[in-house]
Protein backbone atom coordinates (compact mmCIF):
# COMPACT_ATOMS: atom_id res chain seq x y z
CA UNK A 1 -13.47 -12.10 71.14
CA UNK A 2 -11.66 -11.56 67.69
CA UNK A 3 -10.45 -8.16 66.65
CA UNK A 4 -12.03 -6.84 63.69
CA UNK A 5 -9.68 -6.43 60.84
CA UNK A 6 -8.98 -3.05 59.59
CA UNK A 7 -10.47 -2.16 56.48
CA UNK A 8 -7.56 -1.80 53.60
CA UNK A 9 -8.09 0.21 50.39
CA UNK A 10 -9.18 -1.94 47.27
CA UNK A 11 -6.28 -3.87 45.61
CA UNK A 12 -4.89 -2.51 42.39
CA UNK A 13 -3.09 -5.14 41.23
CA UNK A 14 -5.09 -5.99 38.19
CA UNK A 15 -4.39 -2.52 36.57
CA UNK A 16 -0.64 -2.86 37.44
CA UNK A 17 -0.71 -6.08 35.65
CA UNK A 18 -2.30 -5.08 32.83
CA UNK A 19 0.24 -2.05 32.59
CA UNK A 20 2.95 -4.49 32.90
CA UNK A 21 1.56 -6.75 30.04
CA UNK A 22 1.21 -3.92 27.65
CA UNK A 23 4.61 -2.53 28.37
CA UNK A 24 5.94 -5.93 27.75
CA UNK A 25 3.99 -6.13 24.64
CA UNK A 26 5.05 -2.69 23.32
CA UNK A 27 8.75 -3.62 24.14
CA UNK A 28 8.65 -6.71 21.89
CA UNK A 29 7.11 -4.96 18.99
CA UNK A 30 10.50 -4.02 17.31
CA UNK A 31 11.41 -7.78 17.51
CA UNK A 32 8.31 -8.78 15.58
CA UNK A 33 8.66 -6.36 13.01
CA UNK A 34 12.30 -7.03 12.23
CA UNK A 35 11.22 -10.58 12.00
CA UNK A 36 9.26 -9.76 9.02
CA UNK A 37 12.48 -9.13 6.89
CA UNK A 38 13.84 -12.47 6.16
CA UNK A 39 17.12 -13.08 4.22
CA UNK A 40 17.07 -15.49 1.49
CA UNK A 41 18.84 -18.55 2.76
CA UNK A 42 20.10 -19.70 -0.70
CA UNK A 43 21.04 -17.23 -3.43
CA UNK A 44 19.55 -17.60 -6.86
CA UNK A 45 21.62 -19.39 -9.58
CA UNK A 46 21.65 -17.93 -12.93
CA UNK A 47 22.91 -19.75 -15.92
CA UNK A 48 24.60 -16.47 -17.27
CA UNK A 49 24.97 -12.87 -17.16
CA UNK A 50 22.16 -12.26 -19.79
CA UNK A 51 19.70 -14.42 -17.60
CA UNK A 52 20.32 -12.44 -14.56
CA UNK A 53 20.04 -8.96 -16.16
CA UNK A 54 16.78 -10.43 -17.68
CA UNK A 55 15.72 -11.53 -14.27
CA UNK A 56 16.52 -8.10 -12.42
CA UNK A 57 14.84 -6.01 -15.27
CA UNK A 58 11.63 -8.43 -15.03
CA UNK A 59 11.63 -8.32 -11.17
CA UNK A 60 11.93 -4.55 -11.24
CA UNK A 61 8.57 -4.33 -13.35
CA UNK A 62 6.57 -6.62 -11.01
CA UNK A 63 5.13 -5.56 -7.54
CA UNK A 64 5.53 -7.33 -4.23
CA UNK A 65 2.08 -8.41 -3.43
CA UNK A 66 2.72 -8.25 0.38
CA UNK A 67 4.70 -4.88 0.43
CA UNK A 68 2.61 -3.15 -2.06
CA UNK A 69 4.94 -0.26 -2.55
CA UNK A 70 7.94 -2.12 -3.61
CA UNK A 71 9.31 -3.92 -6.38
CA UNK A 72 9.68 -7.76 -6.35
CA UNK A 73 13.42 -7.04 -6.59
CA UNK A 74 13.40 -4.50 -3.71
CA UNK A 75 11.08 -6.54 -0.96
CA UNK A 76 12.55 -8.54 1.71
CA UNK A 77 9.19 -10.35 2.32
CA UNK A 78 9.11 -13.90 2.28
CA UNK A 79 6.58 -14.12 -0.46
CA UNK A 80 8.87 -11.96 -2.60
CA UNK A 81 11.65 -14.27 -2.00
CA UNK A 82 9.42 -17.27 -3.34
CA UNK A 83 8.07 -15.37 -6.25
CA UNK A 84 11.45 -14.40 -7.17
CA UNK A 85 12.32 -18.25 -7.37
CA UNK A 86 9.30 -18.61 -9.04
CA UNK A 87 10.14 -15.95 -11.78
CA UNK A 88 13.57 -17.83 -12.08
CA UNK A 89 12.26 -20.92 -12.52
CA UNK A 90 9.72 -19.96 -15.07
CA UNK A 91 12.58 -18.39 -16.87
CA UNK A 92 14.68 -21.35 -16.99
CA UNK A 93 11.93 -23.50 -18.25
CA UNK A 94 11.75 -21.26 -21.27
CA UNK A 95 8.77 -18.93 -20.72
CA UNK A 96 9.01 -15.48 -22.04
CA UNK A 97 8.49 -12.19 -19.96
CA UNK A 98 4.96 -11.87 -21.44
CA UNK A 99 4.01 -15.34 -20.11
CA UNK A 100 5.64 -15.05 -16.76
CA UNK A 101 3.67 -11.76 -16.22
CA UNK A 102 0.65 -13.58 -17.41
CA UNK A 103 1.10 -16.30 -14.96
CA UNK A 104 1.54 -13.66 -12.02
CA UNK A 105 -1.40 -11.87 -13.26
CA UNK A 106 -3.62 -14.82 -13.31
CA UNK A 107 -2.69 -15.67 -9.84
CA UNK A 108 -2.49 -12.19 -7.94
CA UNK A 109 -4.31 -10.09 -10.34
CA UNK A 110 -3.13 -7.04 -12.22
CA UNK A 111 -1.72 -5.19 -9.01
CA UNK A 112 1.23 -7.34 -9.52
CA UNK A 113 2.29 -5.12 -12.52
CA UNK A 114 3.87 -1.49 -11.75
CA UNK A 115 2.39 -0.51 -15.09
CA UNK A 116 -0.67 -2.52 -15.55
CA UNK A 117 -2.25 -2.34 -18.96
CA UNK A 118 -5.16 0.27 -20.02
CA UNK A 119 -8.50 -1.70 -20.29
CA UNK A 120 -12.00 -1.11 -19.42
CA UNK A 121 -11.75 -2.63 -15.89
CA UNK A 122 -9.25 0.03 -14.77
CA UNK A 123 -10.07 2.86 -17.05
CA UNK A 124 -11.56 4.72 -14.06
CA UNK A 125 -8.13 4.52 -12.30
CA UNK A 126 -6.36 6.01 -15.44
CA UNK A 127 -9.09 8.66 -16.17
CA UNK A 128 -10.88 9.27 -12.81
CA UNK A 129 -8.59 12.06 -11.46
CA UNK A 130 -8.95 13.93 -14.51
CA UNK A 131 -12.79 13.64 -14.63
CA UNK A 132 -12.90 14.64 -11.00
CA UNK A 133 -10.94 17.64 -11.67
CA UNK A 134 -13.08 18.51 -14.75
CA UNK A 135 -16.27 18.11 -12.74
CA UNK A 136 -15.08 20.37 -9.86
CA UNK A 137 -14.17 23.08 -12.20
CA UNK A 138 -17.60 22.51 -13.91
CA UNK A 139 -19.33 22.79 -10.49
CA UNK A 140 -17.28 25.95 -9.60
CA UNK A 141 -18.16 27.64 -12.97
CA UNK A 142 -21.86 26.91 -12.22
CA UNK A 143 -21.78 28.28 -8.83
CA UNK A 144 -19.90 31.43 -9.77
CA UNK A 145 -22.51 32.02 -12.71
CA UNK A 146 -25.41 31.44 -10.46
CA UNK A 147 -24.22 33.88 -7.69
CA UNK A 148 -23.35 36.57 -10.08
CA UNK A 149 -27.06 36.35 -11.59
CA UNK A 150 -28.56 36.63 -8.05
CA UNK A 151 -26.32 39.70 -7.29
CA UNK A 152 -28.33 42.97 -8.16
CA UNK A 153 -26.27 45.86 -10.11
CA UNK A 154 -25.41 48.63 -7.86
CA UNK A 155 -27.10 51.94 -8.85
CA UNK A 156 -24.30 54.70 -9.50
CA UNK A 157 -26.73 57.35 -8.33
CA UNK A 158 -26.79 55.88 -4.85
CA UNK A 159 -23.17 55.98 -4.00
CA UNK A 160 -22.25 57.44 -0.49
CA UNK A 161 -18.78 58.57 -1.16
């Protein structure tokens, strides 16, 4: 007669494997984050110092569409490298700064400009904070006046001092 096998506690290999996989993924996060910043393999070629100065001034006025908080000049994202090349190519083709900006706005929207022009579409962004502040002040004045009307004046003859 075969001997019965002793009962073993349930295996806990699956949680250990999941924990190991999670730790490996966390360990690889810095490597994937540093893979985002790519260096430009070939530097930009300017015709003269005036073109280089114009390019840097224009790149400082444009926003990186991926980083969103950096200028085109400051960003290391791959799309920023591509856009810098595109801007230089347009400059060398004879386009002026307004035409280059319009080309990028047509492609990416007014967000690409650090100082977007004031128009009807973005007027709420320009005046919204002031309108909210004035509205809040108006509501505060209304509430204070309403409460002051609800309070009964205190009769001086009933003071208990």
